[in-house]
All heavy atoms as atom14 arrays in JSON, in Angstrom:
{
  "sequence": "LETAMENCTSYGYASPEAVRAAVGRLRRQLPSSLVTALKAVRFLQ",
  "atom14_mask": [
    [1, 1, 1, 1, 1, 1, 1, 1, 0, 0, 0, 0, 0, 0],
    [1, 1, 1, 1, 1, 1, 1, 1, 1, 0, 0, 0, 0, 0],
    [1, 1, 1, 1, 1, 1, 1, 0, 0, 0, 0, 0, 0, 0],
    [1, 1, 1, 1, 1, 0, 0, 0, 0, 0, 0, 0, 0, 0],
    [1, 1, 1, 1, 1, 1, 1, 1, 0, 0, 0, 0, 0, 0],
    [1, 1, 1, 1, 1, 1, 1, 1, 1, 0, 0, 0, 0, 0],
    [1, 1, 1, 1, 1, 1, 1, 1, 0, 0, 0, 0, 0, 0],
    [1, 1, 1, 1, 1, 1, 0, 0, 0, 0, 0, 0, 0, 0],
    [1, 1, 1, 1, 1, 1, 1, 0, 0, 0, 0, 0, 0, 0],
    [1, 1, 1, 1, 1, 1, 0, 0, 0, 0, 0, 0, 0, 0],
    [1, 1, 1, 1, 1, 1, 1, 1, 1, 1, 1, 1, 0, 0],
    [1, 1, 1, 1, 0, 0, 0, 0, 0, 0, 0, 0, 0, 0],
    [1, 1, 1, 1, 1, 1, 1, 1, 1, 1, 1, 1, 0, 0],
    [1, 1, 1, 1, 1, 0, 0, 0, 0, 0, 0, 0, 0, 0],
    [1, 1, 1, 1, 1, 1, 0, 0, 0, 0, 0, 0, 0, 0],
    [1, 1, 1, 1, 1, 1, 1, 0, 0, 0, 0, 0, 0, 0],
    [1, 1, 1, 1, 1, 1, 1, 1, 1, 0, 0, 0, 0, 0],
    [1, 1, 1, 1, 1, 0, 0, 0, 0, 0, 0, 0, 0, 0],
    [1, 1, 1, 1, 1, 1, 1, 0, 0, 0, 0, 0, 0, 0],
    [1, 1, 1, 1, 1, 1, 1, 1, 1, 1, 1, 0, 0, 0],
    [1, 1, 1, 1, 1, 0, 0, 0, 0, 0, 0, 0, 0, 0],
    [1, 1, 1, 1, 1, 0, 0, 0, 0, 0, 0, 0, 0, 0],
    [1, 1, 1, 1, 1, 1, 1, 0, 0, 0, 0, 0, 0, 0],
    [1, 1, 1, 1, 0, 0, 0, 0, 0, 0, 0, 0, 0, 0],
    [1, 1, 1, 1, 1, 1, 1, 1, 1, 1, 1, 0, 0, 0],
    [1, 1, 1, 1, 1, 1, 1, 1, 0, 0, 0, 0, 0, 0],
    [1, 1, 1, 1, 1, 1, 1, 1, 1, 1, 1, 0, 0, 0],
    [1, 1, 1, 1, 1, 1, 1, 1, 1, 1, 1, 0, 0, 0],
    [1, 1, 1, 1, 1, 1, 1, 1, 1, 0, 0, 0, 0, 0],
    [1, 1, 1, 1, 1, 1, 1, 1, 0, 0, 0, 0, 0, 0],
    [1, 1, 1, 1, 1, 1, 1, 0, 0, 0, 0, 0, 0, 0],
    [1, 1, 1, 1, 1, 1, 0, 0, 0, 0, 0, 0, 0, 0],
    [1, 1, 1, 1, 1, 1, 0, 0, 0, 0, 0, 0, 0, 0],
    [1, 1, 1, 1, 1, 1, 1, 1, 0, 0, 0, 0, 0, 0],
    [1, 1, 1, 1, 1, 1, 1, 0, 0, 0, 0, 0, 0, 0],
    [1, 1, 1, 1, 1, 1, 1, 0, 0, 0, 0, 0, 0, 0],
    [1, 1, 1, 1, 1, 0, 0, 0, 0, 0, 0, 0, 0, 0],
    [1, 1, 1, 1, 1, 1, 1, 1, 0, 0, 0, 0, 0, 0],
    [1, 1, 1, 1, 1, 1, 1, 1, 1, 0, 0, 0, 0, 0],
    [1, 1, 1, 1, 1, 0, 0, 0, 0, 0, 0, 0, 0, 0],
    [1, 1, 1, 1, 1, 1, 1, 0, 0, 0, 0, 0, 0, 0],
    [1, 1, 1, 1, 1, 1, 1, 1, 1, 1, 1, 0, 0, 0],
    [1, 1, 1, 1, 1, 1, 1, 1, 1, 1, 1, 0, 0, 0],
    [1, 1, 1, 1, 1, 1, 1, 1, 0, 0, 0, 0, 0, 0],
    [1, 1, 1, 1, 1, 1, 1, 1, 1, 0, 0, 0, 0, 0]
  ],
  "atom14_positions": [
    [[-0.54, -6.88, -4.91], [-1.04, -5.88, -5.92], [-2.12, -6.54, -6.7], [-3.18, -5.83, -6.88], [0.06, -5.46, -6.85], [-0.28, -4.53, -7.92], [-0.95, -3.24, -7.4], [0.95, -4.19, -8.83], [0.0, 0.0, 0.0], [0.0, 0.0, 0.0], [0.0, 0.0, 0.0], [0.0, 0.0, 0.0], [0.0, 0.0, 0.0], [0.0, 0.0, 0.0]],
    [[-2.03, -7.79, -7.12], [-3.08, -8.42, -7.85], [-4.38, -8.5, -7.02], [-5.42, -8.23, -7.5], [-2.6, -9.81, -8.13], [-3.56, -10.56, -9.15], [-2.99, -11.9, -9.57], [-2.55, -12.7, -8.78], [-2.95, -12.12, -10.81], [0.0, 0.0, 0.0], [0.0, 0.0, 0.0], [0.0, 0.0, 0.0], [0.0, 0.0, 0.0], [0.0, 0.0, 0.0]],
    [[-4.26, -8.82, -5.77], [-5.47, -8.86, -4.93], [-6.07, -7.46, -4.79], [-7.3, -7.32, -4.85], [-5.12, -9.43, -3.51], [-4.55, -10.62, -3.62], [-6.28, -9.46, -2.59], [0.0, 0.0, 0.0], [0.0, 0.0, 0.0], [0.0, 0.0, 0.0], [0.0, 0.0, 0.0], [0.0, 0.0, 0.0], [0.0, 0.0, 0.0], [0.0, 0.0, 0.0]],
    [[-5.23, -6.48, -4.61], [-5.78, -5.12, -4.56], [-6.46, -4.68, -5.78], [-7.47, -4.0, -5.78], [-4.64, -4.08, -4.19], [0.0, 0.0, 0.0], [0.0, 0.0, 0.0], [0.0, 0.0, 0.0], [0.0, 0.0, 0.0], [0.0, 0.0, 0.0], [0.0, 0.0, 0.0], [0.0, 0.0, 0.0], [0.0, 0.0, 0.0], [0.0, 0.0, 0.0]],
    [[-5.87, -5.09, -6.94], [-6.48, -4.75, -8.26], [-7.82, -5.49, -8.42], [-8.76, -4.89, -8.94], [-5.55, -5.08, -9.36], [-4.31, -4.19, -9.41], [-3.04, -4.67, -10.59], [-3.9, -4.6, -12.18], [0.0, 0.0, 0.0], [0.0, 0.0, 0.0], [0.0, 0.0, 0.0], [0.0, 0.0, 0.0], [0.0, 0.0, 0.0], [0.0, 0.0, 0.0]],
    [[-7.95, -6.69, -7.91], [-9.2, -7.45, -7.97], [-10.24, -6.83, -7.1], [-11.43, -6.9, -7.38], [-9.0, -8.91, -7.66], [-8.15, -9.67, -8.62], [-7.76, -11.05, -8.07], [-8.08, -11.38, -6.93], [-7.12, -11.82, -8.87], [0.0, 0.0, 0.0], [0.0, 0.0, 0.0], [0.0, 0.0, 0.0], [0.0, 0.0, 0.0], [0.0, 0.0, 0.0]],
    [[-9.8, -6.12, -5.97], [-10.72, -5.48, -5.12], [-10.58, -3.97, -5.1], [-10.57, -3.36, -4.1], [-10.5, -6.0, -3.64], [-10.6, -7.51, -3.57], [-11.66, -8.01, -3.87], [-9.56, -8.19, -3.21], [0.0, 0.0, 0.0], [0.0, 0.0, 0.0], [0.0, 0.0, 0.0], [0.0, 0.0, 0.0], [0.0, 0.0, 0.0], [0.0, 0.0, 0.0]],
    [[-10.48, -3.45, -6.34], [-10.19, -2.05, -6.5], [-11.21, -1.08, -5.76], [-10.8, -0.07, -5.24], [-10.07, -1.64, -7.95], [-11.48, -2.0, -8.95], [0.0, 0.0, 0.0], [0.0, 0.0, 0.0], [0.0, 0.0, 0.0], [0.0, 0.0, 0.0], [0.0, 0.0, 0.0], [0.0, 0.0, 0.0], [0.0, 0.0, 0.0], [0.0, 0.0, 0.0]],
    [[-12.46, -1.48, -5.76], [-13.49, -0.66, -5.08], [-13.3, -0.49, -3.64], [-13.62, 0.56, -3.05], [-14.9, -1.06, -5.45], [-15.01, -2.39, -5.16], [-15.16, -0.9, -7.01], [0.0, 0.0, 0.0], [0.0, 0.0, 0.0], [0.0, 0.0, 0.0], [0.0, 0.0, 0.0], [0.0, 0.0, 0.0], [0.0, 0.0, 0.0], [0.0, 0.0, 0.0]],
    [[-12.7, -1.51, -3.0], [-12.48, -1.44, -1.58], [-11.33, -0.53, -1.22], [-11.25, -0.15, -0.12], [-12.25, -2.85, -1.0], [-11.03, -3.38, -1.33], [0.0, 0.0, 0.0], [0.0, 0.0, 0.0], [0.0, 0.0, 0.0], [0.0, 0.0, 0.0], [0.0, 0.0, 0.0], [0.0, 0.0, 0.0], [0.0, 0.0, 0.0], [0.0, 0.0, 0.0]],
    [[-10.52, -0.18, -2.29], [-9.5, 0.8, -2.04], [-9.92, 2.11, -2.52], [-9.08, 3.14, -2.52], [-8.2, 0.29, -2.79], [-7.49, -0.77, -2.13], [-7.85, -2.14, -2.44], [-6.52, -0.57, -1.11], [-7.14, -3.18, -1.83], [-5.84, -1.54, -0.57], [-6.15, -2.94, -0.88], [-5.48, -3.93, -0.22], [0.0, 0.0, 0.0], [0.0, 0.0, 0.0]],
    [[-11.11, 2.33, -3.04], [-11.61, 3.55, -3.43], [-11.32, 3.95, -4.82], [-11.34, 5.15, -5.26], [0.0, 0.0, 0.0], [0.0, 0.0, 0.0], [0.0, 0.0, 0.0], [0.0, 0.0, 0.0], [0.0, 0.0, 0.0], [0.0, 0.0, 0.0], [0.0, 0.0, 0.0], [0.0, 0.0, 0.0], [0.0, 0.0, 0.0], [0.0, 0.0, 0.0]],
    [[-11.03, 2.89, -5.65], [-10.64, 3.11, -7.14], [-11.71, 2.45, -8.03], [-12.28, 1.49, -7.55], [-9.24, 2.62, -7.44], [-8.22, 3.43, -6.85], [-7.67, 3.03, -5.5], [-7.68, 4.61, -7.35], [-6.69, 3.82, -4.93], [-6.7, 5.31, -6.77], [-6.22, 4.97, -5.56], [-5.27, 5.74, -4.96], [0.0, 0.0, 0.0], [0.0, 0.0, 0.0]],
    [[-11.91, 3.01, -9.16], [-12.95, 2.52, -10.04], [-12.42, 1.39, -10.9], [-13.18, 0.54, -11.43], [-13.49, 3.59, -10.93], [0.0, 0.0, 0.0], [0.0, 0.0, 0.0], [0.0, 0.0, 0.0], [0.0, 0.0, 0.0], [0.0, 0.0, 0.0], [0.0, 0.0, 0.0], [0.0, 0.0, 0.0], [0.0, 0.0, 0.0], [0.0, 0.0, 0.0]],
    [[-11.16, 1.28, -11.11], [-10.6, 0.25, -11.99], [-9.25, -0.4, -11.46], [-8.56, 0.34, -10.74], [-10.34, 0.84, -13.39], [-9.21, 1.69, -13.33], [0.0, 0.0, 0.0], [0.0, 0.0, 0.0], [0.0, 0.0, 0.0], [0.0, 0.0, 0.0], [0.0, 0.0, 0.0], [0.0, 0.0, 0.0], [0.0, 0.0, 0.0], [0.0, 0.0, 0.0]],
    [[-8.95, -1.61, -11.87], [-7.6, -2.12, -11.46], [-6.43, -1.33, -11.9], [-5.5, -1.29, -11.23], [-7.69, -3.47, -12.13], [-9.09, -3.87, -12.38], [-9.76, -2.51, -12.68], [0.0, 0.0, 0.0], [0.0, 0.0, 0.0], [0.0, 0.0, 0.0], [0.0, 0.0, 0.0], [0.0, 0.0, 0.0], [0.0, 0.0, 0.0], [0.0, 0.0, 0.0]],
    [[-6.57, -0.69, -13.09], [-5.54, 0.12, -13.67], [-5.21, 1.31, -12.73], [-4.08, 1.74, -12.6], [-5.85, 0.54, -15.04], [-5.87, -0.63, -16.14], [-7.16, -1.43, -16.05], [-8.16, -0.92, -15.51], [-7.07, -2.59, -16.51], [0.0, 0.0, 0.0], [0.0, 0.0, 0.0], [0.0, 0.0, 0.0], [0.0, 0.0, 0.0], [0.0, 0.0, 0.0]],
    [[-6.26, 1.81, -12.13], [-6.08, 3.01, -11.25], [-5.36, 2.61, -9.98], [-4.55, 3.33, -9.51], [-7.46, 3.59, -10.85], [0.0, 0.0, 0.0], [0.0, 0.0, 0.0], [0.0, 0.0, 0.0], [0.0, 0.0, 0.0], [0.0, 0.0, 0.0], [0.0, 0.0, 0.0], [0.0, 0.0, 0.0], [0.0, 0.0, 0.0], [0.0, 0.0, 0.0]],
    [[-5.62, 1.37, -9.49], [-4.91, 0.83, -8.29], [-3.34, 0.69, -8.69], [-2.5, 1.1, -7.92], [-5.43, -0.48, -7.86], [-4.57, -1.12, -6.75], [-6.88, -0.33, -7.33], [0.0, 0.0, 0.0], [0.0, 0.0, 0.0], [0.0, 0.0, 0.0], [0.0, 0.0, 0.0], [0.0, 0.0, 0.0], [0.0, 0.0, 0.0], [0.0, 0.0, 0.0]],
    [[-3.19, 0.03, -9.85], [-1.79, -0.17, -10.31], [-1.06, 1.16, -10.51], [0.13, 1.32, -10.11], [-1.79, -0.93, -11.58], [-0.45, -1.37, -11.93], [-0.41, -2.2, -13.26], [-0.58, -1.42, -14.39], [-1.33, -1.68, -15.42], [-2.0, -2.85, -15.47], [-1.45, -0.87, -16.46], [0.0, 0.0, 0.0], [0.0, 0.0, 0.0], [0.0, 0.0, 0.0]],
    [[-1.75, 2.17, -11.0], [-1.13, 3.58, -11.13], [-0.83, 4.2, -9.78], [0.25, 4.71, -9.64], [-2.11, 4.4, -11.98], [0.0, 0.0, 0.0], [0.0, 0.0, 0.0], [0.0, 0.0, 0.0], [0.0, 0.0, 0.0], [0.0, 0.0, 0.0], [0.0, 0.0, 0.0], [0.0, 0.0, 0.0], [0.0, 0.0, 0.0], [0.0, 0.0, 0.0]],
    [[-1.71, 3.98, -8.85], [-1.49, 4.6, -7.51], [-0.26, 3.91, -6.83], [0.61, 4.59, -6.27], [-2.73, 4.36, -6.61], [0.0, 0.0, 0.0], [0.0, 0.0, 0.0], [0.0, 0.0, 0.0], [0.0, 0.0, 0.0], [0.0, 0.0, 0.0], [0.0, 0.0, 0.0], [0.0, 0.0, 0.0], [0.0, 0.0, 0.0], [0.0, 0.0, 0.0]],
    [[-0.16, 2.62, -6.96], [0.97, 1.86, -6.41], [2.22, 2.24, -7.12], [3.27, 2.4, -6.52], [0.76, 0.31, -6.41], [2.0, -0.37, -5.95], [-0.4, 0.0, -5.48], [0.0, 0.0, 0.0], [0.0, 0.0, 0.0], [0.0, 0.0, 0.0], [0.0, 0.0, 0.0], [0.0, 0.0, 0.0], [0.0, 0.0, 0.0], [0.0, 0.0, 0.0]],
    [[2.17, 2.45, -8.41], [3.27, 2.87, -9.15], [3.83, 4.18, -8.75], [5.05, 4.42, -8.6], [0.0, 0.0, 0.0], [0.0, 0.0, 0.0], [0.0, 0.0, 0.0], [0.0, 0.0, 0.0], [0.0, 0.0, 0.0], [0.0, 0.0, 0.0], [0.0, 0.0, 0.0], [0.0, 0.0, 0.0], [0.0, 0.0, 0.0], [0.0, 0.0, 0.0]],
    [[2.83, 5.13, -8.49], [3.28, 6.43, -7.98], [3.98, 6.31, -6.65], [5.01, 6.98, -6.36], [2.13, 7.35, -7.85], [1.66, 7.94, -9.15], [0.63, 9.07, -8.98], [-0.57, 8.61, -8.34], [-1.63, 8.05, -8.92], [-1.6, 7.8, -10.21], [-2.75, 7.7, -8.21], [0.0, 0.0, 0.0], [0.0, 0.0, 0.0], [0.0, 0.0, 0.0]],
    [[3.42, 5.53, -5.78], [4.06, 5.29, -4.48], [5.4, 4.63, -4.53], [6.33, 5.04, -3.76], [3.15, 4.35, -3.55], [1.84, 5.04, -3.09], [0.97, 3.95, -2.51], [2.04, 6.14, -2.15], [0.0, 0.0, 0.0], [0.0, 0.0, 0.0], [0.0, 0.0, 0.0], [0.0, 0.0, 0.0], [0.0, 0.0, 0.0], [0.0, 0.0, 0.0]],
    [[5.72, 3.78, -5.53], [6.99, 3.2, -5.67], [7.88, 4.02, -6.61], [9.01, 3.68, -6.84], [6.8, 1.8, -6.27], [6.27, 0.77, -5.36], [5.99, -0.55, -6.02], [7.21, -1.18, -6.4], [7.81, -2.23, -5.73], [7.17, -2.7, -4.63], [8.85, -2.84, -6.18], [0.0, 0.0, 0.0], [0.0, 0.0, 0.0], [0.0, 0.0, 0.0]],
    [[7.34, 5.1, -7.14], [8.07, 6.0, -8.09], [8.41, 5.17, -9.33], [9.64, 5.21, -9.79], [9.19, 6.7, -7.4], [8.71, 7.62, -6.32], [9.81, 8.42, -5.74], [9.26, 9.42, -4.89], [9.95, 9.83, -3.83], [11.11, 9.51, -3.58], [9.33, 10.74, -3.06], [0.0, 0.0, 0.0], [0.0, 0.0, 0.0], [0.0, 0.0, 0.0]],
    [[7.49, 4.43, -9.82], [7.73, 3.59, -11.04], [6.5, 3.89, -11.91], [5.41, 4.21, -11.5], [7.7, 2.12, -10.67], [8.88, 1.62, -9.89], [8.75, 0.13, -9.7], [8.24, -0.19, -8.69], [9.34, -0.67, -10.65], [0.0, 0.0, 0.0], [0.0, 0.0, 0.0], [0.0, 0.0, 0.0], [0.0, 0.0, 0.0], [0.0, 0.0, 0.0]],
    [[6.74, 3.62, -13.26], [5.7, 3.69, -14.16], [4.67, 2.5, -13.89], [5.2, 1.43, -13.66], [6.19, 3.61, -15.61], [6.96, 4.84, -16.06], [7.58, 4.51, -17.51], [6.12, 6.06, -16.15], [0.0, 0.0, 0.0], [0.0, 0.0, 0.0], [0.0, 0.0, 0.0], [0.0, 0.0, 0.0], [0.0, 0.0, 0.0], [0.0, 0.0, 0.0]],
    [[3.42, 2.7, -13.96], [2.49, 1.62, -13.76], [2.75, 0.46, -14.69], [2.59, -0.69, -14.31], [1.1, 2.24, -13.97], [1.29, 3.72, -13.71], [2.75, 3.96, -14.17], [0.0, 0.0, 0.0], [0.0, 0.0, 0.0], [0.0, 0.0, 0.0], [0.0, 0.0, 0.0], [0.0, 0.0, 0.0], [0.0, 0.0, 0.0], [0.0, 0.0, 0.0]],
    [[3.13, 0.77, -15.92], [3.35, -0.3, -16.89], [4.6, -1.22, -16.49], [4.6, -2.43, -16.82], [3.7, 0.27, -18.26], [4.76, 1.15, -18.2], [0.0, 0.0, 0.0], [0.0, 0.0, 0.0], [0.0, 0.0, 0.0], [0.0, 0.0, 0.0], [0.0, 0.0, 0.0], [0.0, 0.0, 0.0], [0.0, 0.0, 0.0], [0.0, 0.0, 0.0]],
    [[5.51, -0.74, -15.64], [6.63, -1.53, -15.2], [6.2, -2.55, -14.22], [6.98, -3.5, -13.93], [7.69, -0.61, -14.67], [7.32, -0.04, -13.46], [0.0, 0.0, 0.0], [0.0, 0.0, 0.0], [0.0, 0.0, 0.0], [0.0, 0.0, 0.0], [0.0, 0.0, 0.0], [0.0, 0.0, 0.0], [0.0, 0.0, 0.0], [0.0, 0.0, 0.0]],
    [[5.06, -2.41, -13.54], [4.54, -3.35, -12.63], [3.9, -4.57, -13.24], [3.69, -5.57, -12.58], [3.48, -2.68, -11.65], [4.04, -1.4, -10.93], [2.92, -0.86, -10.06], [5.26, -1.58, -10.2], [0.0, 0.0, 0.0], [0.0, 0.0, 0.0], [0.0, 0.0, 0.0], [0.0, 0.0, 0.0], [0.0, 0.0, 0.0], [0.0, 0.0, 0.0]],
    [[3.62, -4.45, -14.52], [3.02, -5.58, -15.16], [3.92, -6.73, -15.27], [3.43, -7.96, -15.24], [2.56, -5.09, -16.63], [2.08, -6.24, -17.44], [1.51, -3.93, -16.52], [0.0, 0.0, 0.0], [0.0, 0.0, 0.0], [0.0, 0.0, 0.0], [0.0, 0.0, 0.0], [0.0, 0.0, 0.0], [0.0, 0.0, 0.0], [0.0, 0.0, 0.0]],
    [[5.16, -6.58, -15.34], [6.13, -7.74, -15.45], [5.97, -8.61, -14.33], [5.85, -9.85, -14.41], [7.6, -7.16, -15.62], [7.63, -6.41, -16.76], [8.56, -8.3, -15.68], [0.0, 0.0, 0.0], [0.0, 0.0, 0.0], [0.0, 0.0, 0.0], [0.0, 0.0, 0.0], [0.0, 0.0, 0.0], [0.0, 0.0, 0.0], [0.0, 0.0, 0.0]],
    [[5.98, -8.05, -13.07], [5.87, -8.89, -11.88], [4.52, -9.6, -11.83], [4.41, -10.73, -11.38], [6.01, -8.0, -10.64], [0.0, 0.0, 0.0], [0.0, 0.0, 0.0], [0.0, 0.0, 0.0], [0.0, 0.0, 0.0], [0.0, 0.0, 0.0], [0.0, 0.0, 0.0], [0.0, 0.0, 0.0], [0.0, 0.0, 0.0], [0.0, 0.0, 0.0]],
    [[3.47, -8.85, -12.27], [2.13, -9.45, -12.25], [2.08, -10.67, -13.25], [1.53, -11.66, -12.85], [1.04, -8.39, -12.6], [0.79, -7.33, -11.66], [-0.05, -6.23, -12.27], [0.09, -7.92, -10.45], [0.0, 0.0, 0.0], [0.0, 0.0, 0.0], [0.0, 0.0, 0.0], [0.0, 0.0, 0.0], [0.0, 0.0, 0.0], [0.0, 0.0, 0.0]],
    [[2.65, -10.51, -14.37], [2.63, -11.62, -15.35], [3.46, -12.78, -14.88], [3.08, -13.91, -15.07], [3.15, -11.13, -16.71], [2.09, -10.21, -17.49], [2.59, -9.83, -18.84], [1.61, -9.02, -19.6], [1.98, -8.62, -20.87], [0.0, 0.0, 0.0], [0.0, 0.0, 0.0], [0.0, 0.0, 0.0], [0.0, 0.0, 0.0], [0.0, 0.0, 0.0]],
    [[4.58, -12.44, -14.33], [5.48, -13.56, -13.76], [4.71, -14.36, -12.68], [4.81, -15.59, -12.68], [6.76, -12.95, -13.2], [0.0, 0.0, 0.0], [0.0, 0.0, 0.0], [0.0, 0.0, 0.0], [0.0, 0.0, 0.0], [0.0, 0.0, 0.0], [0.0, 0.0, 0.0], [0.0, 0.0, 0.0], [0.0, 0.0, 0.0], [0.0, 0.0, 0.0]],
    [[4.02, -13.61, -11.75], [3.33, -14.39, -10.7], [2.11, -15.16, -11.29], [1.88, -16.3, -10.85], [2.77, -13.37, -9.65], [1.68, -13.93, -8.79], [3.94, -12.99, -8.73], [0.0, 0.0, 0.0], [0.0, 0.0, 0.0], [0.0, 0.0, 0.0], [0.0, 0.0, 0.0], [0.0, 0.0, 0.0], [0.0, 0.0, 0.0], [0.0, 0.0, 0.0]],
    [[1.45, -14.63, -12.26], [0.43, -15.4, -12.9], [0.89, -16.67, -13.59], [0.28, -17.72, -13.53], [-0.33, -14.52, -13.9], [-1.17, -13.45, -13.25], [-1.86, -12.55, -14.18], [-2.46, -11.45, -13.56], [-2.51, -10.18, -13.99], [-2.02, -9.88, -15.17], [-3.11, -9.2, -13.31], [0.0, 0.0, 0.0], [0.0, 0.0, 0.0], [0.0, 0.0, 0.0]],
    [[2.11, -16.62, -14.24], [2.68, -17.72, -14.76], [3.0, -18.76, -13.75], [2.72, -19.9, -13.94], [3.99, -17.32, -15.55], [4.75, -18.5, -16.09], [4.43, -19.18, -17.19], [5.86, -19.01, -15.42], [5.02, -20.25, -17.75], [6.64, -19.96, -15.88], [6.21, -20.73, -17.08], [0.0, 0.0, 0.0], [0.0, 0.0, 0.0], [0.0, 0.0, 0.0]],
    [[3.58, -18.32, -12.66], [3.89, -19.27, -11.54], [2.63, -19.92, -10.92], [2.66, -21.1, -10.58], [4.69, -18.57, -10.52], [6.15, -18.22, -10.85], [6.8, -17.5, -9.67], [7.02, -19.46, -11.2], [0.0, 0.0, 0.0], [0.0, 0.0, 0.0], [0.0, 0.0, 0.0], [0.0, 0.0, 0.0], [0.0, 0.0, 0.0], [0.0, 0.0, 0.0]],
    [[1.6, -19.13, -10.82], [0.31, -19.6, -10.31], [-0.26, -20.75, -11.2], [-0.7, -21.74, -10.63], [-0.74, -18.54, -10.22], [-0.49, -17.5, -9.12], [-1.5, -16.39, -9.17], [-1.88, -15.92, -10.24], [-1.76, -15.81, -8.0], [0.0, 0.0, 0.0], [0.0, 0.0, 0.0], [0.0, 0.0, 0.0], [0.0, 0.0, 0.0], [0.0, 0.0, 0.0]]
  ]
}
């Protein structure tokens, strides 16, 4: 997800938030709920 957000234009989206929202819809989750996993991975990185 982080990689897709960094390359949002290659997925046809104008912003990283739009990519996160699209993935959230596909997972039937709120986009804000995906932030936890992103922050956890950034911490581990």
